[in-house]
Amino acid sequence: MAHVQELTCKSKNLEAELEKTSKKLLEVTAIAADEAEKCKSAKEVIKSLAAQLKEMAEKMPEGQTAIVNSSTVTGQNGSNLNQLSTESLSMSINSRLESNGISKGQTLSTGIKALNEKAEWVVQDEPGVYITLSTLPGGFNELKRVRFSRRHFTEAQAEKWWADFGAKVCERHKVKSTD
């Protein structure tokens, strides 16, 4: 009789545990379905952006090239889609240009904008340094923005890096400074 009660108790415990596990399985299945839908949406966005990038690259003037590093888009395992936006730090270019001998009166562009929007692209100058450029007439580029990855730079390190290497970056990417 005691053996029957013991087995009945074990059976009830196992049934309760099975019920809990079944509920967890349903929850995890729902989460997995939601994540799969998000992944599908993200892939569609990536395809769209890749098509736009390809179209922009085809429209670039002859002699101009855009450097595209796929790891800046997807990361090594595909999980870092937001790395550039969530782990980057924007810097004010004008104050840094002054430290490189370019006065406030000087600008990096001709000031003449085309009727159509200028094509812009991002170049990874070195690990953790991303510059946004647009095309100017005459084969020169306009420096729109410099971003530093928080993984590689603190704010102070980014400012020092720009002070040390900003002029070389402008020279390397044919950034025109007008007088």
N, C-alpha and C. Protein backbone atom coordinates (compact mmCIF):
# COMPACT_ATOMS: atom_id res chain seq x y z
N MET A 1 0.82 -1.19 0.00
CA MET A 1 0.00 0.00 0.00
C MET A 1 0.87 1.27 0.00
N ALA A 2 1.90 1.28 0.81
CA ALA A 2 2.81 2.42 0.87
C ALA A 2 3.52 2.60 -0.47
N HIS A 3 3.80 1.47 -1.10
CA HIS A 3 4.48 1.51 -2.39
C HIS A 3 3.58 2.15 -3.45
N VAL A 4 2.28 1.88 -3.41
CA VAL A 4 1.32 2.44 -4.35
C VAL A 4 1.21 3.95 -4.14
N GLN A 5 1.16 4.38 -2.87
CA GLN A 5 1.07 5.81 -2.57
C GLN A 5 2.34 6.55 -3.04
N GLU A 6 3.48 5.91 -2.84
CA GLU A 6 4.75 6.50 -3.27
C GLU A 6 4.78 6.68 -4.79
N LEU A 7 4.33 5.64 -5.51
CA LEU A 7 4.31 5.72 -6.97
C LEU A 7 3.29 6.75 -7.46
N THR A 8 2.15 6.85 -6.76
CA THR A 8 1.13 7.84 -7.11
C THR A 8 1.68 9.25 -6.93
N CYS A 9 2.39 9.46 -5.84
CA CYS A 9 2.99 10.77 -5.55
C CYS A 9 4.04 11.13 -6.61
N LYS A 10 4.88 10.16 -6.96
CA LYS A 10 5.89 10.38 -7.99
C LYS A 10 5.24 10.70 -9.33
N SER A 11 4.15 9.98 -9.64
CA SER A 11 3.44 10.20 -10.89
C SER A 11 2.88 11.62 -10.95
N LYS A 12 2.28 12.09 -9.85
CA LYS A 12 1.72 13.45 -9.80
C LYS A 12 2.83 14.49 -9.97
N ASN A 13 3.96 14.25 -9.31
CA ASN A 13 5.10 15.18 -9.43
C ASN A 13 5.61 15.24 -10.88
N LEU A 14 5.71 14.06 -11.50
CA LEU A 14 6.17 14.02 -12.89
C LEU A 14 5.18 14.70 -13.82
N GLU A 15 3.88 14.53 -13.58
CA GLU A 15 2.86 15.19 -14.39
C GLU A 15 2.94 16.71 -14.25
N ALA A 16 3.15 17.18 -13.01
CA ALA A 16 3.27 18.62 -12.78
C ALA A 16 4.51 19.17 -13.49
N GLU A 17 5.60 18.42 -13.40
CA GLU A 17 6.84 18.84 -14.06
C GLU A 17 6.67 18.84 -15.58
N LEU A 18 5.97 17.83 -16.10
CA LEU A 18 5.69 17.76 -17.53
C LEU A 18 4.84 18.95 -17.98
N GLU A 19 3.87 19.33 -17.18
CA GLU A 19 3.01 20.47 -17.51
C GLU A 19 3.82 21.76 -17.54
N LYS A 20 4.70 21.96 -16.54
CA LYS A 20 5.55 23.15 -16.52
C LYS A 20 6.46 23.19 -17.75
N THR A 21 7.04 22.04 -18.07
CA THR A 21 7.93 21.96 -19.21
C THR A 21 7.18 22.23 -20.51
N SER A 22 5.96 21.73 -20.61
CA SER A 22 5.14 21.97 -21.80
C SER A 22 4.83 23.45 -21.96
N LYS A 23 4.52 24.14 -20.85
CA LYS A 23 4.25 25.58 -20.90
C LYS A 23 5.50 26.34 -21.36
N LYS A 24 6.65 25.96 -20.80
CA LYS A 24 7.90 26.61 -21.20
C LYS A 24 8.18 26.38 -22.68
N LEU A 25 7.90 25.16 -23.15
CA LEU A 25 8.12 24.85 -24.55
C LEU A 25 7.24 25.72 -25.45
N LEU A 26 5.99 25.92 -25.06
CA LEU A 26 5.09 26.78 -25.83
C LEU A 26 5.60 28.22 -25.85
N GLU A 27 6.07 28.71 -24.70
CA GLU A 27 6.60 30.07 -24.63
C GLU A 27 7.83 30.23 -25.53
N VAL A 28 8.74 29.26 -25.43
CA VAL A 28 9.96 29.32 -26.23
C VAL A 28 9.64 29.22 -27.72
N THR A 29 8.67 28.40 -28.07
CA THR A 29 8.26 28.27 -29.47
C THR A 29 7.71 29.60 -29.99
N ALA A 30 6.90 30.28 -29.16
CA ALA A 30 6.35 31.57 -29.56
C ALA A 30 7.46 32.60 -29.74
N ILE A 31 8.42 32.60 -28.82
CA ILE A 31 9.55 33.54 -28.92
C ILE A 31 10.37 33.24 -30.18
N ALA A 32 10.61 31.96 -30.45
CA ALA A 32 11.38 31.58 -31.63
C ALA A 32 10.67 32.02 -32.91
N ALA A 33 9.36 31.88 -32.95
CA ALA A 33 8.60 32.31 -34.13
C ALA A 33 8.71 33.82 -34.31
N ASP A 34 8.63 34.56 -33.20
CA ASP A 34 8.75 36.02 -33.25
C ASP A 34 10.15 36.42 -33.74
N GLU A 35 11.18 35.77 -33.21
CA GLU A 35 12.55 36.07 -33.62
C GLU A 35 12.78 35.71 -35.09
N ALA A 36 12.18 34.62 -35.55
CA ALA A 36 12.32 34.24 -36.95
C ALA A 36 11.69 35.30 -37.85
N GLU A 37 10.57 35.85 -37.43
CA GLU A 37 9.91 36.91 -38.21
C GLU A 37 10.78 38.16 -38.25
N LYS A 38 11.38 38.50 -37.09
CA LYS A 38 12.28 39.66 -37.05
C LYS A 38 13.49 39.43 -37.96
N CYS A 39 14.02 38.22 -37.94
CA CYS A 39 15.17 37.88 -38.78
C CYS A 39 14.80 38.02 -40.25
N LYS A 40 13.62 37.53 -40.61
CA LYS A 40 13.16 37.63 -42.00
C LYS A 40 13.04 39.09 -42.41
N SER A 41 12.48 39.92 -41.53
CA SER A 41 12.35 41.35 -41.82
C SER A 41 13.73 42.00 -41.97
N ALA A 42 14.65 41.65 -41.08
CA ALA A 42 16.00 42.21 -41.14
C ALA A 42 16.68 41.83 -42.45
N LYS A 43 16.51 40.59 -42.88
CA LYS A 43 17.11 40.15 -44.14
C LYS A 43 16.54 40.93 -45.32
N GLU A 44 15.25 41.21 -45.28
CA GLU A 44 14.63 42.00 -46.35
C GLU A 44 15.20 43.42 -46.38
N VAL A 45 15.40 44.00 -45.19
CA VAL A 45 15.98 45.34 -45.11
C VAL A 45 17.41 45.32 -45.65
N ILE A 46 18.17 44.30 -45.29
CA ILE A 46 19.55 44.20 -45.76
C ILE A 46 19.59 44.07 -47.28
N LYS A 47 18.69 43.24 -47.84
CA LYS A 47 18.64 43.10 -49.30
C LYS A 47 18.32 44.44 -49.96
N SER A 48 17.38 45.17 -49.38
CA SER A 48 17.00 46.47 -49.93
C SER A 48 18.17 47.45 -49.87
N LEU A 49 18.86 47.49 -48.73
CA LEU A 49 20.01 48.39 -48.59
C LEU A 49 21.13 47.99 -49.53
N ALA A 50 21.34 46.69 -49.70
CA ALA A 50 22.38 46.22 -50.62
C ALA A 50 22.06 46.64 -52.05
N ALA A 51 20.79 46.55 -52.42
CA ALA A 51 20.38 46.98 -53.76
C ALA A 51 20.59 48.48 -53.94
N GLN A 52 20.25 49.27 -52.90
CA GLN A 52 20.46 50.71 -52.97
C GLN A 52 21.95 51.04 -53.08
N LEU A 53 22.77 50.33 -52.31
CA LEU A 53 24.22 50.55 -52.34
C LEU A 53 24.78 50.21 -53.72
N LYS A 54 24.31 49.11 -54.29
CA LYS A 54 24.76 48.72 -55.63
C LYS A 54 24.37 49.79 -56.65
N GLU A 55 23.15 50.29 -56.53
CA GLU A 55 22.67 51.32 -57.44
C GLU A 55 23.51 52.59 -57.31
N MET A 56 23.83 52.97 -56.06
CA MET A 56 24.65 54.16 -55.83
C MET A 56 26.05 53.96 -56.40
N ALA A 57 26.60 52.76 -56.24
CA ALA A 57 27.95 52.48 -56.75
C ALA A 57 27.97 52.57 -58.27
N GLU A 58 26.89 52.13 -58.92
CA GLU A 58 26.83 52.20 -60.37
C GLU A 58 26.73 53.64 -60.85
N LYS A 59 26.14 54.52 -60.04
CA LYS A 59 25.96 55.92 -60.43
C LYS A 59 27.18 56.78 -60.13
N MET A 60 28.17 56.24 -59.41
CA MET A 60 29.34 57.02 -59.03
C MET A 60 30.12 57.43 -60.28
N PRO A 61 30.69 58.64 -60.25
CA PRO A 61 31.49 59.10 -61.39
C PRO A 61 32.68 58.17 -61.62
N GLU A 62 33.11 58.11 -62.88
CA GLU A 62 34.24 57.26 -63.22
C GLU A 62 35.47 57.74 -62.46
N GLY A 63 36.26 56.81 -61.97
CA GLY A 63 37.45 57.17 -61.22
C GLY A 63 37.22 57.23 -59.73
N GLN A 64 35.99 57.26 -59.30
CA GLN A 64 35.67 57.28 -57.88
C GLN A 64 35.36 55.85 -57.45
N THR A 65 35.81 55.48 -56.27
CA THR A 65 35.48 54.16 -55.75
C THR A 65 35.01 54.28 -54.33
N ALA A 66 34.12 53.42 -53.97
CA ALA A 66 33.64 53.36 -52.59
C ALA A 66 34.13 52.06 -51.99
N ILE A 67 34.68 52.13 -50.81
CA ILE A 67 35.17 50.94 -50.14
C ILE A 67 34.05 50.43 -49.25
N VAL A 68 33.64 49.20 -49.46
CA VAL A 68 32.57 48.61 -48.67
C VAL A 68 33.13 47.39 -47.99
N ASN A 69 33.07 47.37 -46.69
CA ASN A 69 33.54 46.24 -45.90
C ASN A 69 32.31 45.57 -45.33
N SER A 70 32.01 44.35 -45.77
CA SER A 70 30.76 43.70 -45.37
C SER A 70 30.70 43.48 -43.87
N SER A 71 31.84 43.42 -43.19
CA SER A 71 31.78 43.22 -41.75
C SER A 71 31.21 44.43 -41.03
N THR A 72 31.21 45.61 -41.68
CA THR A 72 30.60 46.77 -41.04
C THR A 72 29.09 46.69 -41.11
N VAL A 73 28.56 45.89 -42.01
CA VAL A 73 27.12 45.76 -42.14
C VAL A 73 26.59 44.63 -41.27
N THR A 74 27.21 43.46 -41.36
CA THR A 74 26.65 42.31 -40.68
C THR A 74 27.47 41.80 -39.51
N GLY A 75 28.69 42.19 -39.40
CA GLY A 75 29.53 41.63 -38.36
C GLY A 75 29.96 40.24 -38.76
N GLN A 76 30.79 39.60 -37.94
CA GLN A 76 31.32 38.30 -38.30
C GLN A 76 30.25 37.21 -38.23
N ASN A 77 29.35 37.29 -37.27
CA ASN A 77 28.35 36.23 -37.13
C ASN A 77 26.96 36.69 -37.50
N GLY A 78 26.83 37.86 -38.11
CA GLY A 78 25.53 38.34 -38.55
C GLY A 78 24.71 38.97 -37.45
N SER A 79 25.23 39.04 -36.23
CA SER A 79 24.42 39.55 -35.12
C SER A 79 24.67 41.02 -34.83
N ASN A 80 25.61 41.64 -35.50
CA ASN A 80 25.97 43.02 -35.18
C ASN A 80 25.39 44.01 -36.16
N LEU A 81 24.13 43.84 -36.54
CA LEU A 81 23.52 44.72 -37.53
C LEU A 81 23.49 46.16 -37.08
N ASN A 82 23.37 46.40 -35.78
CA ASN A 82 23.26 47.77 -35.28
C ASN A 82 24.58 48.30 -34.74
N GLN A 83 25.67 47.57 -34.92
CA GLN A 83 26.93 47.97 -34.30
C GLN A 83 27.31 49.39 -34.67
N LEU A 84 27.21 49.71 -35.92
CA LEU A 84 27.63 51.03 -36.36
C LEU A 84 26.78 52.12 -35.73
N SER A 85 25.47 51.90 -35.64
CA SER A 85 24.61 52.94 -35.10
C SER A 85 24.61 52.96 -33.58
N THR A 86 24.71 51.79 -32.93
CA THR A 86 24.62 51.78 -31.48
C THR A 86 25.96 51.94 -30.80
N GLU A 87 27.04 51.60 -31.49
CA GLU A 87 28.34 51.68 -30.86
C GLU A 87 29.22 52.75 -31.47
N SER A 88 28.64 53.70 -32.14
CA SER A 88 29.47 54.75 -32.74
C SER A 88 29.25 56.08 -32.05
N LEU A 89 30.23 56.94 -32.16
CA LEU A 89 30.21 58.24 -31.50
C LEU A 89 30.42 59.30 -32.56
N SER A 90 29.48 60.24 -32.65
CA SER A 90 29.63 61.32 -33.62
C SER A 90 30.55 62.39 -33.06
N MET A 91 31.35 62.97 -33.93
CA MET A 91 32.25 64.03 -33.52
C MET A 91 31.97 65.28 -34.32
N SER A 92 32.17 66.42 -33.73
CA SER A 92 32.03 67.68 -34.46
C SER A 92 33.28 67.89 -35.30
N ILE A 93 33.11 67.95 -36.60
CA ILE A 93 34.24 68.09 -37.50
C ILE A 93 34.82 69.50 -37.48
N ASN A 94 33.96 70.50 -37.46
CA ASN A 94 34.45 71.88 -37.59
C ASN A 94 35.47 72.26 -36.52
N SER A 95 35.21 71.90 -35.27
CA SER A 95 36.16 72.26 -34.21
C SER A 95 37.48 71.52 -34.38
N ARG A 96 37.43 70.31 -34.92
CA ARG A 96 38.65 69.54 -35.12
C ARG A 96 39.44 70.07 -36.32
N LEU A 97 38.72 70.55 -37.33
CA LEU A 97 39.41 71.08 -38.51
C LEU A 97 40.24 72.29 -38.13
N GLU A 98 39.72 73.09 -37.21
CA GLU A 98 40.43 74.28 -36.78
C GLU A 98 41.80 73.90 -36.20
N SER A 99 41.84 72.77 -35.47
CA SER A 99 43.11 72.35 -34.89
C SER A 99 44.08 71.85 -35.96
N ASN A 100 43.57 71.58 -37.16
CA ASN A 100 44.44 71.16 -38.26
C ASN A 100 44.76 72.29 -39.22
N GLY A 101 44.50 73.53 -38.81
CA GLY A 101 44.88 74.67 -39.62
C GLY A 101 43.83 75.16 -40.58
N ILE A 102 42.63 74.64 -40.50
CA ILE A 102 41.55 75.11 -41.37
C ILE A 102 40.67 76.01 -40.53
N SER A 103 40.53 77.26 -40.94
CA SER A 103 39.80 78.22 -40.13
C SER A 103 38.30 78.03 -40.24
N LYS A 104 37.56 78.69 -39.34
CA LYS A 104 36.10 78.59 -39.34
C LYS A 104 35.50 79.13 -40.63
N GLY A 105 36.18 80.09 -41.25
CA GLY A 105 35.67 80.66 -42.48
C GLY A 105 35.78 79.71 -43.66
N GLN A 106 36.68 78.75 -43.56
CA GLN A 106 36.84 77.79 -44.64
C GLN A 106 35.84 76.66 -44.46
N THR A 107 35.40 76.11 -45.56
CA THR A 107 34.48 74.98 -45.49
C THR A 107 35.04 73.82 -46.28
N LEU A 108 34.46 72.65 -46.06
CA LEU A 108 34.92 71.47 -46.78
C LEU A 108 34.18 71.27 -48.09
N SER A 109 33.22 72.10 -48.39
CA SER A 109 32.48 71.92 -49.64
C SER A 109 32.48 73.24 -50.40
N THR A 110 32.06 73.18 -51.64
CA THR A 110 32.00 74.39 -52.45
C THR A 110 30.79 75.22 -52.08
N GLY A 111 29.87 74.65 -51.34
CA GLY A 111 28.67 75.37 -50.97
C GLY A 111 27.61 75.28 -52.05
N ILE A 112 27.94 74.72 -53.18
CA ILE A 112 26.97 74.58 -54.27
C ILE A 112 26.39 73.18 -54.20
N LYS A 113 25.08 73.10 -54.05
CA LYS A 113 24.44 71.79 -54.00
C LYS A 113 23.71 71.54 -55.30
N ALA A 114 23.79 70.33 -55.76
CA ALA A 114 23.07 69.95 -56.97
C ALA A 114 21.59 69.88 -56.66
N LEU A 115 20.77 69.91 -57.70
CA LEU A 115 19.34 69.80 -57.49
C LEU A 115 18.98 68.45 -56.90
N ASN A 116 19.66 67.43 -57.34
CA ASN A 116 19.44 66.10 -56.77
C ASN A 116 20.30 65.95 -55.53
N GLU A 117 19.89 65.04 -54.65
CA GLU A 117 20.69 64.80 -53.45
C GLU A 117 22.03 64.19 -53.85
N LYS A 118 23.06 64.56 -53.11
CA LYS A 118 24.37 63.99 -53.36
C LYS A 118 24.41 62.57 -52.84
N ALA A 119 25.11 61.71 -53.56
CA ALA A 119 25.30 60.34 -53.08
C ALA A 119 26.31 60.38 -51.96
N GLU A 120 26.00 59.73 -50.88
CA GLU A 120 26.92 59.65 -49.74
C GLU A 120 27.28 58.19 -49.53
N TRP A 121 28.48 57.97 -49.01
CA TRP A 121 28.88 56.62 -48.68
C TRP A 121 29.79 56.66 -47.47
N VAL A 122 29.85 55.52 -46.79
CA VAL A 122 30.66 55.40 -45.59
C VAL A 122 31.87 54.54 -45.91
N VAL A 123 33.03 55.01 -45.50
CA VAL A 123 34.27 54.28 -45.70
C VAL A 123 34.85 53.97 -44.33
N GLN A 124 35.26 52.73 -44.14
CA GLN A 124 35.96 52.38 -42.90
C GLN A 124 37.43 52.69 -43.16
N ASP A 125 37.90 53.80 -42.60
CA ASP A 125 39.27 54.25 -42.85
C ASP A 125 40.27 53.31 -42.19
N GLU A 126 39.96 52.89 -40.99
CA GLU A 126 40.73 51.89 -40.27
C GLU A 126 39.77 51.31 -39.22
N PRO A 127 40.13 50.23 -38.54
CA PRO A 127 39.18 49.65 -37.59
C PRO A 127 38.68 50.68 -36.58
N GLY A 128 37.37 50.83 -36.54
CA GLY A 128 36.75 51.74 -35.59
C GLY A 128 36.60 53.17 -36.06
N VAL A 129 37.06 53.50 -37.26
CA VAL A 129 36.96 54.86 -37.79
C VAL A 129 36.16 54.82 -39.09
N TYR A 130 35.01 55.48 -39.07
CA TYR A 130 34.10 55.47 -40.22
C TYR A 130 33.89 56.91 -40.68
N ILE A 131 34.13 57.16 -41.96
CA ILE A 131 33.93 58.51 -42.49
C ILE A 131 32.85 58.47 -43.56
N THR A 132 32.02 59.51 -43.55
CA THR A 132 30.96 59.64 -44.54
C THR A 132 31.38 60.71 -45.53
N LEU A 133 31.37 60.35 -46.81
CA LEU A 133 31.82 61.24 -47.87
C LEU A 133 30.71 61.43 -48.90
N SER A 134 30.79 62.53 -49.64
CA SER A 134 29.94 62.72 -50.81
C SER A 134 30.80 63.31 -51.92
N THR A 135 30.35 63.17 -53.14
CA THR A 135 31.13 63.58 -54.30
C THR A 135 30.94 65.07 -54.60
N LEU A 136 32.05 65.72 -54.94
CA LEU A 136 32.03 67.11 -55.39
C LEU A 136 32.49 67.14 -56.85
N PRO A 137 32.16 68.20 -57.56
CA PRO A 137 32.65 68.32 -58.94
C PRO A 137 34.19 68.36 -58.95
N GLY A 138 34.77 67.86 -59.99
CA GLY A 138 36.22 67.91 -60.13
C GLY A 138 36.93 66.73 -59.50
N GLY A 139 36.20 65.70 -59.13
CA GLY A 139 36.83 64.51 -58.57
C GLY A 139 37.18 64.59 -57.10
N PHE A 140 36.75 65.64 -56.43
CA PHE A 140 37.01 65.76 -55.00
C PHE A 140 35.82 65.23 -54.20
N ASN A 141 36.04 65.06 -52.92
CA ASN A 141 34.99 64.59 -52.02
C ASN A 141 34.74 65.62 -50.93
N GLU A 142 33.54 65.56 -50.38
CA GLU A 142 33.18 66.39 -49.23
C GLU A 142 33.09 65.48 -48.02
N LEU A 143 33.73 65.88 -46.94
CA LEU A 143 33.67 65.12 -45.69
C LEU A 143 32.41 65.53 -44.95
N LYS A 144 31.50 64.58 -44.78
CA LYS A 144 30.23 64.86 -44.13
C LYS A 144 30.28 64.58 -42.63
N ARG A 145 30.93 63.49 -42.27
CA ARG A 145 30.87 63.04 -40.88
C ARG A 145 32.00 62.07 -40.60
N VAL A 146 32.48 62.07 -39.35
CA VAL A 146 33.45 61.09 -38.89
C VAL A 146 32.86 60.44 -37.66
N ARG A 147 32.87 59.11 -37.65
CA ARG A 147 32.34 58.37 -36.49
C ARG A 147 33.40 57.42 -35.98
N PHE A 148 33.44 57.27 -34.67
CA PHE A 148 34.39 56.38 -34.03
C PHE A 148 33.63 55.32 -33.24
N SER A 149 34.04 54.08 -33.37
CA SER A 149 33.42 52.98 -32.64
C SER A 149 33.79 53.08 -31.17
N ARG A 150 32.80 52.92 -30.32
CA ARG A 150 33.06 52.95 -28.87
C ARG A 150 33.87 51.74 -28.43
N ARG A 151 33.86 50.69 -29.25
CA ARG A 151 34.68 49.51 -28.93
C ARG A 151 36.16 49.82 -29.03
N HIS A 152 36.50 50.72 -29.94
CA HIS A 152 37.91 51.01 -30.19
C HIS A 152 38.39 52.32 -29.58
N PHE A 153 37.49 53.27 -29.33
CA PHE A 153 37.90 54.60 -28.89
C PHE A 153 37.00 55.12 -27.76
N THR A 154 37.63 55.81 -26.81
CA THR A 154 36.86 56.64 -25.88
C THR A 154 36.70 57.99 -26.58
N GLU A 155 35.91 58.87 -26.01
CA GLU A 155 35.73 60.18 -26.64
C GLU A 155 37.06 60.92 -26.73
N ALA A 156 37.85 60.86 -25.66
CA ALA A 156 39.14 61.56 -25.65
C ALA A 156 40.09 60.96 -26.69
N GLN A 157 40.10 59.63 -26.80
CA GLN A 157 40.97 58.98 -27.78
C GLN A 157 40.55 59.36 -29.21
N ALA A 158 39.24 59.45 -29.43
CA ALA A 158 38.73 59.82 -30.76
C ALA A 158 39.17 61.24 -31.11
N GLU A 159 39.05 62.16 -30.16
CA GLU A 159 39.47 63.53 -30.40
C GLU A 159 40.96 63.61 -30.70
N LYS A 160 41.76 62.88 -29.94
CA LYS A 160 43.21 62.87 -30.16
C LYS A 160 43.53 62.26 -31.52
N TRP A 161 42.87 61.14 -31.86
CA TRP A 161 43.11 60.50 -33.15
C TRP A 161 42.82 61.48 -34.29
N TRP A 162 41.69 62.18 -34.20
CA TRP A 162 41.33 63.12 -35.27
C TRP A 162 42.35 64.26 -35.35
N ALA A 163 42.79 64.75 -34.19
CA ALA A 163 43.79 65.82 -34.19
C ALA A 163 45.09 65.35 -34.84
N ASP A 164 45.47 64.09 -34.60
CA ASP A 164 46.71 63.55 -35.14
C ASP A 164 46.60 63.15 -36.61
N PHE A 165 45.48 62.57 -37.00
CA PHE A 165 45.37 61.97 -38.33
C PHE A 165 44.32 62.58 -39.24
N GLY A 166 43.56 63.57 -38.77
CA GLY A 166 42.49 64.15 -39.57
C GLY A 166 42.95 64.71 -40.90
N ALA A 167 44.06 65.43 -40.89
CA ALA A 167 44.57 66.01 -42.14
C ALA A 167 44.98 64.92 -43.12
N LYS A 168 45.57 63.84 -42.62
CA LYS A 168 45.97 62.73 -43.50
C LYS A 168 44.75 62.04 -44.09
N VAL A 169 43.69 61.92 -43.29
CA VAL A 169 42.45 61.30 -43.78
C VAL A 169 41.88 62.15 -44.90
N CYS A 170 41.84 63.46 -44.69
CA CYS A 170 41.32 64.36 -45.73
C CYS A 170 42.14 64.26 -47.01
N GLU A 171 43.44 64.17 -46.86
CA GLU A 171 44.32 64.05 -48.02
C GLU A 171 44.12 62.71 -48.72
N ARG A 172 44.04 61.64 -47.95
CA ARG A 172 43.91 60.29 -48.49
C ARG A 172 42.61 60.11 -49.28
N HIS A 173 41.54 60.76 -48.83
CA HIS A 173 40.23 60.60 -49.47
C HIS A 173 39.87 61.78 -50.37
N LYS A 174 40.87 62.57 -50.75
CA LYS A 174 40.68 63.70 -51.66
C LYS A 174 39.56 64.63 -51.20
N VAL A 175 39.60 64.98 -49.91
CA VAL A 175 38.62 65.92 -49.38
C VAL A 175 39.11 67.32 -49.70
N LYS A 176 38.25 68.08 -50.35
CA LYS A 176 38.63 69.43 -50.78
C LYS A 176 38.26 70.42 -49.69
N SER A 177 39.25 71.23 -49.27
CA SER A 177 38.95 72.34 -48.37
C SER A 177 39.05 73.60 -49.20
N THR A 178 38.01 74.42 -49.15
CA THR A 178 38.00 75.65 -49.95
C THR A 178 38.42 76.82 -49.10
N ASP A 179 39.03 77.80 -49.75
CA ASP A 179 39.47 79.00 -49.02
C ASP A 179 38.39 80.03 -48.98
